[in-house]
Protein backbone atom coordinates (compact mmCIF):
# COMPACT_ATOMS: atom_id res chain seq x y z
CA UNK A 1 -1.85 9.88 -7.55
CA UNK A 2 -1.36 10.05 -11.32
CA UNK A 3 1.46 12.57 -10.86
CA UNK A 4 3.26 10.28 -8.44
CA UNK A 5 2.97 7.28 -10.76
CA UNK A 6 4.05 9.38 -13.74
CA UNK A 7 7.26 10.38 -11.94
CA UNK A 8 7.95 6.81 -10.83
CA UNK A 9 7.50 5.54 -14.40
CA UNK A 10 10.01 8.12 -15.62
CA UNK A 11 12.43 7.51 -12.74
CA UNK A 12 15.58 7.69 -14.89
CA UNK A 13 14.37 10.53 -17.10
CA UNK A 14 16.64 13.44 -16.36
CA UNK A 15 15.94 15.01 -19.76
CA UNK A 16 12.96 17.19 -20.49
CA UNK A 17 10.87 19.42 -18.30
CA UNK A 18 8.47 18.92 -15.38
CA UNK A 19 5.66 21.33 -14.63
CA UNK A 20 5.17 22.73 -11.15
CA UNK A 21 2.11 20.55 -10.64
CA UNK A 22 4.00 17.37 -11.43
CA UNK A 23 6.85 18.27 -9.10
CA UNK A 24 4.81 19.51 -6.14
CA UNK A 25 2.26 16.69 -6.29
CA UNK A 26 5.15 14.22 -6.16
CA UNK A 27 6.62 16.07 -3.17
CA UNK A 28 3.22 16.19 -1.43
CA UNK A 29 2.65 12.46 -1.90
CA UNK A 30 6.16 11.72 -0.60
CA UNK A 31 5.52 13.79 2.52
CA UNK A 32 2.20 12.03 3.16
CA UNK A 33 3.73 8.57 2.69
CA UNK A 34 6.65 9.47 4.97
CA UNK A 35 4.31 10.69 7.70
CA UNK A 36 2.20 7.54 7.49
CA UNK A 37 5.29 5.32 7.58
CA UNK A 38 6.64 7.24 10.58
CA UNK A 39 3.37 6.75 12.44
CA UNK A 40 3.38 3.02 11.64
CA UNK A 41 6.98 2.76 12.83
CA UNK A 42 6.16 4.62 16.01
CA UNK A 43 3.18 2.42 16.82
CA UNK A 44 4.94 -0.86 16.00
CA UNK A 45 8.36 0.12 17.46
CA UNK A 46 10.13 -0.80 14.21
CA UNK A 47 12.72 1.94 14.28
CA UNK A 48 13.14 3.87 11.06
CA UNK A 49 13.46 0.93 8.70
CA UNK A 50 10.35 1.60 6.64
CA UNK A 51 11.07 5.28 6.07
CA UNK A 52 14.69 4.47 5.26
CA UNK A 53 13.72 1.89 2.66
CA UNK A 54 11.09 4.23 1.20
CA UNK A 55 13.57 7.12 1.05
CA UNK A 56 16.06 4.98 -0.84
CA UNK A 57 13.35 3.75 -3.20
CA UNK A 58 12.30 7.27 -4.22
CA UNK A 59 15.76 8.85 -4.24
CA UNK A 60 16.41 8.47 -7.97
CA UNK A 61 12.88 9.53 -9.03
CA UNK A 62 13.15 12.55 -6.71
CA UNK A 63 16.44 13.61 -8.27
CA UNK A 64 15.05 13.11 -11.77
CA UNK A 65 11.88 15.14 -11.22
CA UNK A 66 13.92 17.82 -9.44
CA UNK A 67 16.28 18.11 -12.40
CA UNK A 68 13.35 18.25 -14.83
CA UNK A 69 11.70 20.94 -12.69
CA UNK A 70 14.87 23.03 -12.81
CA UNK A 71 15.00 22.48 -16.58
CA UNK A 72 11.48 23.90 -16.76
CA UNK A 73 12.75 27.14 -15.25
CA UNK A 74 15.70 27.24 -17.65
CA UNK A 75 18.34 25.96 -15.22
CA UNK A 76 20.60 22.95 -15.31
CA UNK A 77 19.80 19.97 -13.10
CA UNK A 78 23.21 20.44 -11.51
CA UNK A 79 21.64 23.22 -9.43
CA UNK A 80 20.32 20.39 -7.23
CA UNK A 81 23.78 20.31 -5.71
CA UNK A 82 22.83 23.50 -3.87
CA UNK A 83 21.03 21.25 -1.42
CA UNK A 84 24.46 20.39 0.00
CA UNK A 85 24.66 23.91 1.43
CA UNK A 86 22.70 23.92 4.71
CA UNK A 87 19.60 26.14 4.80
CA UNK A 88 20.68 28.62 2.09
CA UNK A 89 20.78 25.92 -0.59
CA UNK A 90 17.32 24.66 0.35
CA UNK A 91 15.90 28.19 0.27
CA UNK A 92 17.38 28.89 -3.17
CA UNK A 93 16.07 25.57 -4.54
CA UNK A 94 12.64 26.31 -3.08
CA UNK A 95 12.58 29.64 -4.89
CA UNK A 96 13.65 27.99 -8.16
CA UNK A 97 11.06 25.22 -7.93
CA UNK A 98 8.12 27.55 -7.24
CA UNK A 99 8.93 29.77 -10.21
CA UNK A 100 6.72 29.58 -13.28
CA UNK A 101 7.78 27.71 -16.40
CA UNK A 102 9.59 29.44 -19.19
CA UNK A 103 6.86 30.41 -21.63
CA UNK A 104 8.38 29.01 -24.78
CA UNK A 105 10.49 26.02 -25.67
CA UNK A 106 13.94 26.09 -24.10
CA UNK A 107 17.07 23.98 -24.55
CA UNK A 108 15.48 21.19 -22.47
CA UNK A 109 12.30 20.81 -24.51
CA UNK A 110 8.79 22.19 -25.01
CA UNK A 111 6.79 23.83 -22.26
CA UNK A 112 4.93 21.06 -20.37
CA UNK A 113 1.98 23.39 -19.69
CA UNK A 114 1.21 23.43 -23.39
CA UNK A 115 1.04 19.63 -23.45
CA UNK A 116 -1.73 19.64 -20.82
CA UNK A 117 -3.90 22.04 -22.82
CA UNK A 118 -3.97 19.81 -25.91
């Protein structure tokens, strides 16, 4: 839960780097919340209003943490535009986001793994 809150607090922070743990915990929590909201909508016959509102609410934080995750691998956040390309773009972004951090400081900042060990 702390990873999710950390990303939401830094929702406009497109600078810096995000470790794999931060990124994937945020994605996991979003998937869980979306599933729960879908079940609630299904049971109450609400349509997809709740998931739509939730998706809009986390759009900017999702883009920000995605850009920071790409920064951690040494890539520009503009690589997120690959998601426009059906299937291939998603596969490439998946590969980029599961890669390990660059060991040392890069142009986007210090390695976030080193901050956790302090």
